[in-house]
């Protein structure tokens, strides 16, 4: 054990990994409503997703995971609380193909490190994200979209 390890501890916190948030062919993040009618490329693709809005008061809106990103887009577009944010400014959507066994931990980490505006138990239920399940997950540090 080194002197610094004795003082600061042997383990250093894990550096967040870049999960490769998906972008469109122009390398831009897609607007959620633009994806609504064109979800065929997302069908059957699973991972962690994030929505956010831009503008004067841009903020993180919602984070979850799903086995079918087409379903995630449809559910978010149909959620009244999410539509309220779209009415104020553009609502963006991206997802990362994170392994199923790591998704709960990635969502937990993102929800604990970023301030999400929308806490929606109905959406959480649709995506199978019970509070107890997320709380019990081991953190999986990932970088947010940037």
N, C-alpha and C. Protein backbone atom coordinates (compact mmCIF):
# COMPACT_ATOMS: atom_id res chain seq x y z
N UNK A 1 0.85 -1.17 0.00
CA UNK A 1 0.00 0.00 0.00
C UNK A 1 0.89 1.24 0.00
N UNK A 2 0.60 2.17 -0.88
CA UNK A 2 1.38 3.40 -0.96
C UNK A 2 0.94 4.39 0.12
N UNK A 3 1.76 5.40 0.31
CA UNK A 3 1.45 6.44 1.29
C UNK A 3 0.14 7.14 0.93
N UNK A 4 -0.06 7.48 -0.34
CA UNK A 4 -1.29 8.16 -0.76
C UNK A 4 -2.50 7.26 -0.59
N UNK A 5 -2.34 5.97 -0.84
CA UNK A 5 -3.46 5.03 -0.65
C UNK A 5 -3.86 4.98 0.81
N UNK A 6 -2.88 5.05 1.70
CA UNK A 6 -3.17 5.01 3.12
C UNK A 6 -3.95 6.24 3.55
N UNK A 7 -3.65 7.38 2.95
CA UNK A 7 -4.32 8.63 3.31
C UNK A 7 -5.69 8.75 2.66
N UNK A 8 -5.74 8.50 1.35
CA UNK A 8 -6.97 8.75 0.59
C UNK A 8 -7.80 7.50 0.33
N UNK A 9 -7.32 6.34 0.69
CA UNK A 9 -8.06 5.11 0.42
C UNK A 9 -7.51 4.44 -0.82
N UNK A 10 -7.66 3.14 -0.87
CA UNK A 10 -7.09 2.36 -1.95
C UNK A 10 -7.87 2.47 -3.24
N UNK A 11 -9.18 2.71 -3.16
CA UNK A 11 -10.01 2.75 -4.37
C UNK A 11 -10.26 4.17 -4.81
N UNK A 12 -10.16 4.39 -6.08
CA UNK A 12 -10.56 5.67 -6.64
C UNK A 12 -11.93 5.48 -7.27
N UNK A 13 -12.77 6.50 -7.25
CA UNK A 13 -14.08 6.35 -7.84
C UNK A 13 -13.97 6.04 -9.33
N UNK A 14 -14.87 5.21 -9.81
CA UNK A 14 -14.86 4.84 -11.23
C UNK A 14 -15.14 6.07 -12.09
N UNK A 15 -14.36 6.20 -13.15
CA UNK A 15 -14.60 7.29 -14.09
C UNK A 15 -15.84 6.93 -14.91
N UNK A 16 -16.73 7.88 -15.13
CA UNK A 16 -17.89 7.59 -15.96
C UNK A 16 -17.47 7.20 -17.38
N UNK A 17 -18.11 6.19 -17.89
CA UNK A 17 -17.84 5.72 -19.25
C UNK A 17 -18.73 6.47 -20.24
N UNK A 18 -18.28 6.59 -21.47
CA UNK A 18 -19.08 7.17 -22.53
C UNK A 18 -19.89 6.04 -23.16
N UNK A 19 -21.21 6.05 -23.00
CA UNK A 19 -22.02 4.95 -23.52
C UNK A 19 -22.40 5.09 -24.99
N UNK A 20 -21.87 6.09 -25.67
CA UNK A 20 -22.15 6.33 -27.10
C UNK A 20 -23.62 6.64 -27.35
N UNK A 21 -24.03 7.78 -26.85
CA UNK A 21 -25.39 8.25 -27.06
C UNK A 21 -25.63 8.40 -28.56
N UNK A 22 -26.74 7.90 -29.03
CA UNK A 22 -27.05 7.85 -30.45
C UNK A 22 -27.48 9.21 -30.99
N UNK A 23 -27.01 9.50 -32.20
CA UNK A 23 -27.34 10.74 -32.90
C UNK A 23 -27.87 10.39 -34.29
N UNK A 24 -28.40 11.40 -34.98
CA UNK A 24 -28.88 11.15 -36.33
C UNK A 24 -27.72 11.21 -37.33
N UNK A 25 -28.03 11.08 -38.60
CA UNK A 25 -26.97 11.04 -39.63
C UNK A 25 -26.20 12.35 -39.73
N UNK A 26 -26.78 13.45 -39.27
CA UNK A 26 -26.10 14.74 -39.25
C UNK A 26 -25.33 14.94 -37.94
N UNK A 27 -25.22 13.88 -37.14
CA UNK A 27 -24.53 13.89 -35.84
C UNK A 27 -25.15 14.85 -34.84
N UNK A 28 -26.47 14.99 -34.95
CA UNK A 28 -27.21 15.82 -34.00
C UNK A 28 -28.19 14.94 -33.23
N UNK A 29 -28.53 15.38 -32.06
CA UNK A 29 -29.54 14.67 -31.29
C UNK A 29 -30.91 14.98 -31.90
N UNK A 30 -31.79 14.00 -31.90
CA UNK A 30 -33.09 14.14 -32.54
C UNK A 30 -34.12 14.75 -31.59
N UNK A 31 -35.02 15.52 -32.17
CA UNK A 31 -36.16 16.01 -31.41
C UNK A 31 -37.13 14.85 -31.22
N UNK A 32 -37.67 14.76 -30.03
CA UNK A 32 -38.55 13.65 -29.68
C UNK A 32 -39.73 13.55 -30.64
N UNK A 33 -40.42 14.66 -30.90
CA UNK A 33 -41.60 14.61 -31.76
C UNK A 33 -41.27 14.24 -33.20
N UNK A 34 -40.08 14.55 -33.67
CA UNK A 34 -39.69 14.16 -35.02
C UNK A 34 -39.51 12.65 -35.14
N UNK A 35 -39.21 11.99 -34.03
CA UNK A 35 -39.05 10.54 -34.04
C UNK A 35 -40.38 9.81 -33.97
N UNK A 36 -41.41 10.48 -33.50
CA UNK A 36 -42.68 9.81 -33.20
C UNK A 36 -43.22 8.98 -34.37
N UNK A 37 -43.23 9.51 -35.54
CA UNK A 37 -43.77 8.79 -36.70
C UNK A 37 -42.74 7.93 -37.42
N UNK A 38 -41.48 8.01 -36.97
CA UNK A 38 -40.41 7.29 -37.67
C UNK A 38 -39.62 6.44 -36.68
N UNK A 39 -40.27 5.49 -36.07
CA UNK A 39 -39.62 4.70 -35.03
C UNK A 39 -39.14 3.34 -35.51
N UNK A 40 -39.27 3.06 -36.81
CA UNK A 40 -38.89 1.73 -37.30
C UNK A 40 -37.43 1.39 -37.03
N UNK A 41 -36.53 2.36 -37.10
CA UNK A 41 -35.11 2.09 -36.81
C UNK A 41 -34.86 1.82 -35.33
N UNK A 42 -35.79 2.24 -34.48
CA UNK A 42 -35.63 2.07 -33.04
C UNK A 42 -36.29 0.81 -32.50
N UNK A 43 -37.15 0.23 -33.30
CA UNK A 43 -37.91 -0.93 -32.86
C UNK A 43 -36.98 -2.10 -32.51
N UNK A 44 -37.19 -2.64 -31.31
CA UNK A 44 -36.40 -3.78 -30.85
C UNK A 44 -35.03 -3.45 -30.32
N UNK A 45 -34.65 -2.20 -30.30
CA UNK A 45 -33.34 -1.78 -29.78
C UNK A 45 -33.51 -1.36 -28.33
N UNK A 46 -32.72 -1.95 -27.46
CA UNK A 46 -32.82 -1.65 -26.04
C UNK A 46 -31.66 -0.83 -25.53
N UNK A 47 -31.88 -0.18 -24.40
CA UNK A 47 -30.83 0.61 -23.78
C UNK A 47 -31.40 1.62 -22.81
N UNK A 48 -30.57 2.59 -22.47
CA UNK A 48 -30.93 3.68 -21.57
C UNK A 48 -31.22 4.91 -22.42
N UNK A 49 -32.25 5.65 -22.06
CA UNK A 49 -32.58 6.86 -22.82
C UNK A 49 -32.69 8.07 -21.90
N UNK A 50 -32.51 9.23 -22.52
CA UNK A 50 -32.59 10.51 -21.81
C UNK A 50 -33.34 11.50 -22.69
N UNK A 51 -34.16 12.33 -22.06
CA UNK A 51 -34.78 13.45 -22.76
C UNK A 51 -34.38 14.74 -22.04
N UNK A 52 -34.29 15.80 -22.79
CA UNK A 52 -33.96 17.11 -22.23
C UNK A 52 -34.52 18.18 -23.16
N UNK A 53 -34.63 19.39 -22.65
CA UNK A 53 -35.02 20.49 -23.52
C UNK A 53 -33.95 21.56 -23.50
N UNK A 54 -34.03 22.42 -24.47
CA UNK A 54 -33.06 23.49 -24.63
C UNK A 54 -33.76 24.83 -24.44
N UNK A 55 -33.04 25.87 -24.65
CA UNK A 55 -33.63 27.19 -24.51
C UNK A 55 -33.04 27.91 -23.33
N UNK A 56 -33.69 28.98 -22.94
CA UNK A 56 -33.22 29.80 -21.85
C UNK A 56 -33.11 28.99 -20.56
N UNK A 57 -34.08 28.15 -20.31
CA UNK A 57 -34.08 27.32 -19.11
C UNK A 57 -33.96 25.84 -19.50
N UNK A 58 -32.95 25.51 -20.28
CA UNK A 58 -32.73 24.13 -20.68
C UNK A 58 -32.47 23.26 -19.46
N UNK A 59 -33.01 22.03 -19.52
CA UNK A 59 -32.82 21.14 -18.38
C UNK A 59 -33.03 19.69 -18.78
N UNK A 60 -32.53 18.81 -17.94
CA UNK A 60 -32.76 17.38 -18.11
C UNK A 60 -34.21 17.12 -17.73
N UNK A 61 -34.90 16.30 -18.52
CA UNK A 61 -36.31 16.06 -18.26
C UNK A 61 -36.58 14.68 -17.66
N UNK A 62 -36.14 13.61 -18.34
CA UNK A 62 -36.47 12.26 -17.87
C UNK A 62 -35.40 11.28 -18.33
N UNK A 63 -35.20 10.24 -17.52
CA UNK A 63 -34.24 9.19 -17.84
C UNK A 63 -34.84 7.85 -17.47
N UNK A 64 -34.65 6.86 -18.34
CA UNK A 64 -35.15 5.52 -18.05
C UNK A 64 -34.46 4.51 -18.95
N UNK A 65 -34.97 3.30 -18.96
CA UNK A 65 -34.46 2.31 -19.89
C UNK A 65 -35.61 1.45 -20.39
N UNK A 66 -35.38 0.83 -21.54
CA UNK A 66 -36.43 0.09 -22.20
C UNK A 66 -35.81 -0.93 -23.15
N UNK A 67 -36.53 -2.00 -23.44
CA UNK A 67 -36.03 -2.99 -24.39
C UNK A 67 -36.40 -2.63 -25.83
N UNK A 68 -37.21 -1.59 -26.01
CA UNK A 68 -37.66 -1.17 -27.33
C UNK A 68 -37.74 0.36 -27.37
N UNK A 69 -36.78 1.00 -28.01
CA UNK A 69 -36.75 2.46 -28.03
C UNK A 69 -37.94 3.05 -28.78
N UNK A 70 -38.54 2.31 -29.70
CA UNK A 70 -39.75 2.79 -30.37
C UNK A 70 -40.87 2.97 -29.34
N UNK A 71 -40.99 2.02 -28.42
CA UNK A 71 -41.98 2.12 -27.35
C UNK A 71 -41.66 3.32 -26.45
N UNK A 72 -40.39 3.52 -26.13
CA UNK A 72 -40.00 4.66 -25.29
C UNK A 72 -40.41 5.97 -25.94
N UNK A 73 -40.16 6.12 -27.23
CA UNK A 73 -40.54 7.35 -27.94
C UNK A 73 -42.05 7.55 -27.89
N UNK A 74 -42.81 6.51 -28.21
CA UNK A 74 -44.28 6.62 -28.21
C UNK A 74 -44.81 6.98 -26.82
N UNK A 75 -44.31 6.31 -25.79
CA UNK A 75 -44.78 6.57 -24.43
C UNK A 75 -44.44 7.99 -23.98
N UNK A 76 -43.23 8.44 -24.30
CA UNK A 76 -42.84 9.80 -23.91
C UNK A 76 -43.67 10.84 -24.65
N UNK A 77 -43.91 10.62 -25.93
CA UNK A 77 -44.72 11.57 -26.71
C UNK A 77 -46.16 11.61 -26.22
N UNK A 78 -46.66 10.49 -25.73
CA UNK A 78 -48.04 10.42 -25.26
C UNK A 78 -48.21 10.84 -23.80
N UNK A 79 -47.12 10.99 -23.07
CA UNK A 79 -47.19 11.36 -21.65
C UNK A 79 -47.52 12.85 -21.51
N UNK A 80 -48.64 13.16 -20.84
CA UNK A 80 -49.03 14.58 -20.71
C UNK A 80 -47.95 15.46 -20.09
N UNK A 81 -47.26 14.95 -19.07
CA UNK A 81 -46.23 15.77 -18.41
C UNK A 81 -45.07 16.06 -19.35
N UNK A 82 -44.69 15.09 -20.18
CA UNK A 82 -43.60 15.31 -21.14
C UNK A 82 -44.03 16.30 -22.22
N UNK A 83 -45.29 16.22 -22.65
CA UNK A 83 -45.79 17.16 -23.67
C UNK A 83 -45.75 18.60 -23.18
N UNK A 84 -45.92 18.79 -21.87
CA UNK A 84 -45.83 20.15 -21.32
C UNK A 84 -44.46 20.77 -21.58
N UNK A 85 -43.41 19.96 -21.46
CA UNK A 85 -42.06 20.47 -21.71
C UNK A 85 -41.85 20.75 -23.20
N UNK A 86 -42.40 19.91 -24.06
CA UNK A 86 -42.28 20.12 -25.50
C UNK A 86 -42.97 21.42 -25.91
N UNK A 87 -44.06 21.77 -25.24
CA UNK A 87 -44.78 22.99 -25.56
C UNK A 87 -43.94 24.23 -25.26
N UNK A 88 -43.05 24.13 -24.29
CA UNK A 88 -42.21 25.27 -23.90
C UNK A 88 -41.00 25.44 -24.81
N UNK A 89 -40.36 24.33 -25.16
CA UNK A 89 -39.20 24.37 -26.05
C UNK A 89 -38.92 22.96 -26.56
N UNK A 90 -38.03 22.84 -27.50
CA UNK A 90 -37.75 21.55 -28.12
C UNK A 90 -37.33 20.51 -27.09
N UNK A 91 -37.92 19.34 -27.20
CA UNK A 91 -37.59 18.22 -26.32
C UNK A 91 -36.77 17.23 -27.15
N UNK A 92 -35.56 16.95 -26.68
CA UNK A 92 -34.65 16.06 -27.41
C UNK A 92 -34.62 14.68 -26.77
N UNK A 93 -34.20 13.70 -27.56
CA UNK A 93 -34.18 12.30 -27.13
C UNK A 93 -32.92 11.64 -27.68
N UNK A 94 -32.27 10.86 -26.83
CA UNK A 94 -31.19 10.01 -27.28
C UNK A 94 -31.17 8.76 -26.41
N UNK A 95 -30.48 7.76 -26.90
CA UNK A 95 -30.39 6.51 -26.16
C UNK A 95 -29.01 5.91 -26.37
N UNK A 96 -28.62 5.05 -25.44
CA UNK A 96 -27.33 4.37 -25.52
C UNK A 96 -27.57 2.87 -25.37
N UNK A 97 -26.92 2.06 -26.19
CA UNK A 97 -27.12 0.61 -26.14
C UNK A 97 -26.36 -0.05 -24.99
N UNK A 98 -26.84 0.17 -23.79
CA UNK A 98 -26.22 -0.37 -22.58
C UNK A 98 -26.77 -1.77 -22.32
N UNK A 99 -25.90 -2.67 -21.90
CA UNK A 99 -26.29 -4.07 -21.64
C UNK A 99 -27.44 -4.12 -20.63
N UNK A 100 -28.36 -5.07 -20.80
CA UNK A 100 -29.52 -5.16 -19.90
C UNK A 100 -29.16 -5.23 -18.42
N UNK A 101 -28.11 -5.97 -18.06
CA UNK A 101 -27.76 -6.11 -16.65
C UNK A 101 -27.16 -4.84 -16.04
N UNK A 102 -26.82 -3.86 -16.86
CA UNK A 102 -26.23 -2.62 -16.37
C UNK A 102 -27.20 -1.43 -16.42
N UNK A 103 -28.36 -1.62 -17.01
CA UNK A 103 -29.28 -0.51 -17.25
C UNK A 103 -29.82 0.11 -15.97
N UNK A 104 -30.24 -0.70 -15.01
CA UNK A 104 -30.76 -0.14 -13.74
C UNK A 104 -29.71 0.74 -13.07
N UNK A 105 -28.47 0.26 -13.05
CA UNK A 105 -27.39 1.01 -12.42
C UNK A 105 -27.05 2.30 -13.16
N UNK A 106 -27.13 2.27 -14.48
CA UNK A 106 -26.88 3.49 -15.27
C UNK A 106 -27.97 4.52 -15.02
N UNK A 107 -29.22 4.08 -15.00
CA UNK A 107 -30.33 4.99 -14.71
C UNK A 107 -30.20 5.56 -13.30
N UNK A 108 -29.87 4.70 -12.36
CA UNK A 108 -29.68 5.17 -10.97
C UNK A 108 -28.60 6.25 -10.92
N UNK A 109 -27.46 5.98 -11.54
CA UNK A 109 -26.36 6.93 -11.53
C UNK A 109 -26.77 8.26 -12.16
N UNK A 110 -27.40 8.20 -13.33
CA UNK A 110 -27.80 9.43 -14.02
C UNK A 110 -28.84 10.20 -13.21
N UNK A 111 -29.80 9.50 -12.64
CA UNK A 111 -30.83 10.17 -11.84
C UNK A 111 -30.26 10.79 -10.57
N UNK A 112 -29.19 10.21 -10.04
CA UNK A 112 -28.59 10.76 -8.82
C UNK A 112 -27.62 11.90 -9.11
N UNK A 113 -27.03 11.92 -10.30
CA UNK A 113 -26.02 12.95 -10.59
C UNK A 113 -26.56 14.12 -11.41
N UNK A 114 -27.66 13.92 -12.12
CA UNK A 114 -28.28 15.00 -12.89
C UNK A 114 -29.62 15.34 -12.24
N UNK A 115 -30.05 16.54 -12.43
CA UNK A 115 -31.32 16.97 -11.85
C UNK A 115 -32.40 16.86 -12.93
N UNK A 116 -33.24 15.82 -12.85
CA UNK A 116 -34.30 15.62 -13.83
C UNK A 116 -35.57 16.31 -13.37
N UNK A 117 -36.21 17.02 -14.29
CA UNK A 117 -37.40 17.80 -13.96
C UNK A 117 -38.64 16.93 -13.81
N UNK A 118 -38.69 15.82 -14.53
CA UNK A 118 -39.90 15.01 -14.55
C UNK A 118 -39.73 13.73 -13.75
N UNK A 119 -40.46 13.64 -12.67
CA UNK A 119 -40.54 12.39 -11.91
C UNK A 119 -41.95 11.88 -12.13
N UNK A 120 -42.07 10.84 -12.94
CA UNK A 120 -43.38 10.36 -13.35
C UNK A 120 -43.50 8.88 -13.04
N UNK A 121 -44.23 8.56 -11.99
CA UNK A 121 -44.36 7.16 -11.59
C UNK A 121 -45.11 6.34 -12.65
N UNK A 122 -45.99 6.98 -13.41
CA UNK A 122 -46.69 6.26 -14.48
C UNK A 122 -45.71 5.83 -15.57
N UNK A 123 -44.82 6.73 -15.97
CA UNK A 123 -43.80 6.37 -16.96
C UNK A 123 -42.86 5.32 -16.39
N UNK A 124 -42.45 5.49 -15.16
CA UNK A 124 -41.57 4.50 -14.53
C UNK A 124 -42.22 3.12 -14.55
N UNK A 125 -43.52 3.08 -14.29
CA UNK A 125 -44.23 1.81 -14.28
C UNK A 125 -44.26 1.19 -15.68
N UNK A 126 -44.50 1.99 -16.71
CA UNK A 126 -44.50 1.49 -18.09
C UNK A 126 -43.17 0.85 -18.43
N UNK A 127 -42.08 1.46 -17.97
CA UNK A 127 -40.74 0.96 -18.28
C UNK A 127 -40.22 -0.05 -17.26
N UNK A 128 -41.02 -0.38 -16.27
CA UNK A 128 -40.62 -1.36 -15.26
C UNK A 128 -39.56 -0.86 -14.31
N UNK A 129 -39.59 0.43 -14.02
CA UNK A 129 -38.58 1.04 -13.15
C UNK A 129 -39.15 1.34 -11.77
N UNK A 130 -39.29 0.32 -10.96
CA UNK A 130 -39.79 0.55 -9.61
C UNK A 130 -38.71 1.25 -8.79
N UNK A 131 -39.12 2.13 -7.88
CA UNK A 131 -38.14 2.83 -7.04
C UNK A 131 -37.21 1.87 -6.28
N UNK A 132 -37.78 0.78 -5.77
CA UNK A 132 -36.97 -0.18 -5.02
C UNK A 132 -35.93 -0.84 -5.92
N UNK A 133 -36.31 -1.16 -7.12
CA UNK A 133 -35.38 -1.80 -8.07
C UNK A 133 -34.22 -0.88 -8.42
N UNK A 134 -34.53 0.38 -8.69
CA UNK A 134 -33.48 1.34 -9.04
C UNK A 134 -32.59 1.61 -7.83
N UNK A 135 -33.19 1.76 -6.66
CA UNK A 135 -32.42 2.03 -5.44
C UNK A 135 -31.46 0.89 -5.13
N UNK A 136 -31.88 -0.35 -5.39
CA UNK A 136 -31.06 -1.53 -5.08
C UNK A 136 -29.93 -1.75 -6.09
N UNK A 137 -30.01 -1.10 -7.24
CA UNK A 137 -29.00 -1.31 -8.29
C UNK A 137 -27.66 -0.71 -7.89
N UNK A 138 -26.60 -1.33 -8.35
CA UNK A 138 -25.25 -0.81 -8.14
C UNK A 138 -25.00 0.27 -9.20
N UNK A 139 -24.47 1.42 -8.77
CA UNK A 139 -24.20 2.52 -9.70
C UNK A 139 -23.34 2.05 -10.87
N UNK A 140 -23.73 2.49 -12.06
CA UNK A 140 -22.94 2.29 -13.28
C UNK A 140 -22.66 3.68 -13.83
N UNK A 141 -21.49 4.25 -13.52
CA UNK A 141 -21.20 5.63 -13.96
C UNK A 141 -21.08 5.76 -15.48
N UNK A 142 -21.94 6.60 -16.04
CA UNK A 142 -21.90 6.89 -17.47
C UNK A 142 -21.98 8.40 -17.67
N UNK A 143 -21.35 8.88 -18.71
CA UNK A 143 -21.43 10.30 -19.04
C UNK A 143 -22.78 10.61 -19.65
N UNK A 144 -23.35 11.78 -19.36
CA UNK A 144 -24.59 12.17 -20.02
C UNK A 144 -24.30 12.63 -21.45
N UNK A 145 -25.33 12.77 -22.26
CA UNK A 145 -25.10 13.29 -23.63
C UNK A 145 -24.46 14.67 -23.54
N UNK A 146 -23.60 14.94 -24.47
CA UNK A 146 -22.93 16.25 -24.43
C UNK A 146 -22.74 16.85 -25.78
